C-alpha cells in the first residue's frame, strides 16, 4: 500500500474537524429550536437533490 502524504493527512483531519463542528452546531440548533432544526436541512436537501438529478439527466 502507498503511504499518505502529509498534505493528504492534514486535509483528512481538516475535513473530519469540519464535519464534527457542523454536527455540534446542528446539535445546538436542535437543542435551541427543536424539531424545525431537523426538518429544514431535509427540505433543503430535497430541493438540491431534485436540481442535481435534473442536471444529471440532461447530460
N, C-alpha and C. Protein backbone atom coordinates (compact mmCIF):
# COMPACT_ATOMS: atom_id res chain seq x y z
N UNK A 1 0.83 -1.18 0.00
CA UNK A 1 0.00 0.00 0.00
C UNK A 1 0.88 1.25 0.00
N UNK A 2 0.32 2.32 -0.51
CA UNK A 2 1.08 3.56 -0.53
C UNK A 2 0.81 4.35 0.75
N UNK A 3 1.80 5.10 1.16
CA UNK A 3 1.68 5.92 2.35
C UNK A 3 1.00 7.24 2.00
N UNK A 4 0.23 7.76 2.93
CA UNK A 4 -0.41 9.06 2.73
C UNK A 4 0.62 10.17 2.96
N UNK A 5 0.55 11.18 2.14
CA UNK A 5 1.47 12.30 2.31
C UNK A 5 0.97 13.19 3.45
N UNK A 6 1.83 14.09 3.88
CA UNK A 6 1.48 14.99 4.98
C UNK A 6 0.30 15.89 4.60
N UNK A 7 0.26 16.35 3.36
CA UNK A 7 -0.84 17.23 2.96
C UNK A 7 -2.17 16.47 2.91
N UNK A 8 -2.13 15.20 2.50
CA UNK A 8 -3.36 14.40 2.50
C UNK A 8 -3.85 14.16 3.91
N UNK A 9 -2.93 13.91 4.83
CA UNK A 9 -3.29 13.69 6.22
C UNK A 9 -3.89 14.95 6.82
N UNK A 10 -3.28 16.11 6.53
CA UNK A 10 -3.81 17.38 7.03
C UNK A 10 -5.21 17.63 6.48
N UNK A 11 -5.39 17.37 5.20
CA UNK A 11 -6.70 17.56 4.59
C UNK A 11 -7.74 16.65 5.23
N UNK A 12 -7.37 15.41 5.49
CA UNK A 12 -8.28 14.46 6.12
C UNK A 12 -8.71 14.94 7.50
N UNK A 13 -7.74 15.39 8.30
CA UNK A 13 -8.06 15.88 9.64
C UNK A 13 -8.90 17.14 9.58
N UNK A 14 -8.64 18.01 8.61
CA UNK A 14 -9.44 19.23 8.46
C UNK A 14 -10.88 18.90 8.10
N UNK A 15 -11.07 17.94 7.21
CA UNK A 15 -12.43 17.53 6.83
C UNK A 15 -13.17 16.89 8.00
N UNK A 16 -12.48 16.06 8.77
CA UNK A 16 -13.10 15.43 9.93
C UNK A 16 -13.47 16.49 10.97
N UNK A 17 -12.57 17.45 11.20
CA UNK A 17 -12.86 18.52 12.16
C UNK A 17 -14.04 19.38 11.70
N UNK A 18 -14.10 19.69 10.40
CA UNK A 18 -15.20 20.49 9.87
C UNK A 18 -16.52 19.74 10.03
N UNK A 19 -16.51 18.44 9.76
CA UNK A 19 -17.73 17.64 9.93
C UNK A 19 -18.16 17.60 11.39
N UNK A 20 -17.21 17.45 12.28
CA UNK A 20 -17.52 17.42 13.71
C UNK A 20 -18.10 18.76 14.17
N UNK A 21 -17.53 19.86 13.72
CA UNK A 21 -18.06 21.19 14.07
C UNK A 21 -19.47 21.35 13.52
N UNK A 22 -19.69 20.92 12.29
CA UNK A 22 -21.03 21.01 11.69
C UNK A 22 -22.05 20.22 12.51
N UNK A 23 -21.69 19.02 12.93
CA UNK A 23 -22.61 18.21 13.73
C UNK A 23 -22.88 18.83 15.09
N UNK A 24 -21.87 19.43 15.71
CA UNK A 24 -22.06 20.08 17.01
C UNK A 24 -22.98 21.29 16.86
N UNK A 25 -22.76 22.09 15.82
CA UNK A 25 -23.61 23.26 15.59
C UNK A 25 -25.05 22.82 15.32
N UNK A 26 -25.21 21.76 14.55
CA UNK A 26 -26.55 21.24 14.28
C UNK A 26 -27.21 20.74 15.57
N UNK A 27 -26.43 20.10 16.42
CA UNK A 27 -26.95 19.65 17.71
C UNK A 27 -27.42 20.81 18.57
N UNK A 28 -26.64 21.90 18.59
CA UNK A 28 -27.08 23.08 19.33
C UNK A 28 -28.34 23.69 18.73
N UNK A 29 -28.44 23.66 17.40
CA UNK A 29 -29.64 24.19 16.75
C UNK A 29 -30.86 23.35 17.11
N UNK A 30 -30.70 22.05 17.17
CA UNK A 30 -31.81 21.17 17.55
C UNK A 30 -32.20 21.43 19.00
N UNK A 31 -31.20 21.62 19.86
CA UNK A 31 -31.50 21.91 21.27
C UNK A 31 -32.19 23.25 21.42
N UNK A 32 -31.86 24.21 20.57
CA UNK A 32 -32.43 25.55 20.67
C UNK A 32 -33.81 25.63 20.04
N UNK A 33 -33.94 25.19 18.78
CA UNK A 33 -35.18 25.38 18.04
C UNK A 33 -36.03 24.12 17.93
N UNK A 34 -35.51 23.00 18.33
CA UNK A 34 -36.30 21.77 18.34
C UNK A 34 -36.45 21.14 16.98
N UNK A 35 -37.64 20.66 16.71
CA UNK A 35 -37.92 19.85 15.52
C UNK A 35 -37.65 20.60 14.22
N UNK A 36 -37.84 21.90 14.20
CA UNK A 36 -37.61 22.69 13.00
C UNK A 36 -36.17 22.60 12.50
N UNK A 37 -35.23 22.47 13.41
CA UNK A 37 -33.83 22.37 13.03
C UNK A 37 -33.53 21.02 12.38
N UNK A 38 -34.39 20.05 12.56
CA UNK A 38 -34.21 18.76 11.90
C UNK A 38 -34.84 18.79 10.51
N UNK A 39 -35.98 19.45 10.38
CA UNK A 39 -36.74 19.45 9.14
C UNK A 39 -36.14 20.35 8.07
N UNK A 40 -35.65 21.53 8.43
CA UNK A 40 -35.17 22.50 7.43
C UNK A 40 -34.01 21.94 6.59
N UNK A 41 -32.99 21.30 7.17
CA UNK A 41 -31.94 20.72 6.31
C UNK A 41 -32.47 19.63 5.38
N UNK A 42 -33.44 18.86 5.84
CA UNK A 42 -34.01 17.82 4.99
C UNK A 42 -34.76 18.44 3.81
N UNK A 43 -35.46 19.52 4.05
CA UNK A 43 -36.17 20.20 2.96
C UNK A 43 -35.19 20.80 1.96
N UNK A 44 -34.11 21.39 2.46
CA UNK A 44 -33.09 21.96 1.57
C UNK A 44 -32.41 20.86 0.75
N UNK A 45 -32.16 19.72 1.36
CA UNK A 45 -31.54 18.61 0.64
C UNK A 45 -32.46 18.07 -0.44
N UNK A 46 -33.76 18.08 -0.19
CA UNK A 46 -34.72 17.61 -1.19
C UNK A 46 -34.65 18.46 -2.45
N UNK A 47 -34.67 19.77 -2.28
CA UNK A 47 -34.61 20.66 -3.44
C UNK A 47 -33.27 20.54 -4.16
N UNK A 48 -32.19 20.46 -3.41
CA UNK A 48 -30.86 20.33 -4.00
C UNK A 48 -30.74 19.01 -4.77
N UNK A 49 -31.26 17.94 -4.21
CA UNK A 49 -31.21 16.65 -4.89
C UNK A 49 -32.02 16.66 -6.18
N UNK A 50 -33.17 17.29 -6.15
CA UNK A 50 -34.00 17.37 -7.35
C UNK A 50 -33.29 18.14 -8.45
N UNK A 51 -32.71 19.26 -8.12
CA UNK A 51 -31.98 20.06 -9.11
C UNK A 51 -30.78 19.28 -9.65
N UNK A 52 -30.07 18.58 -8.78
CA UNK A 52 -28.93 17.77 -9.22
C UNK A 52 -29.37 16.67 -10.18
N UNK A 53 -30.47 16.01 -9.87
CA UNK A 53 -30.97 14.96 -10.75
C UNK A 53 -31.38 15.51 -12.11
N UNK A 54 -31.96 16.70 -12.15
CA UNK A 54 -32.33 17.31 -13.42
C UNK A 54 -31.08 17.57 -14.26
N UNK A 55 -30.04 18.14 -13.64
CA UNK A 55 -28.80 18.41 -14.38
C UNK A 55 -28.14 17.12 -14.88
N UNK A 56 -28.17 16.07 -14.06
CA UNK A 56 -27.53 14.81 -14.46
C UNK A 56 -28.28 14.17 -15.62
N UNK A 57 -29.61 14.19 -15.58
CA UNK A 57 -30.37 13.52 -16.62
C UNK A 57 -30.33 14.28 -17.95
N UNK A 58 -30.06 15.55 -17.90
CA UNK A 58 -29.97 16.33 -19.14
C UNK A 58 -28.61 16.15 -19.82
N UNK A 59 -27.66 15.61 -19.10
CA UNK A 59 -26.35 15.30 -19.69
C UNK A 59 -25.49 16.50 -19.76
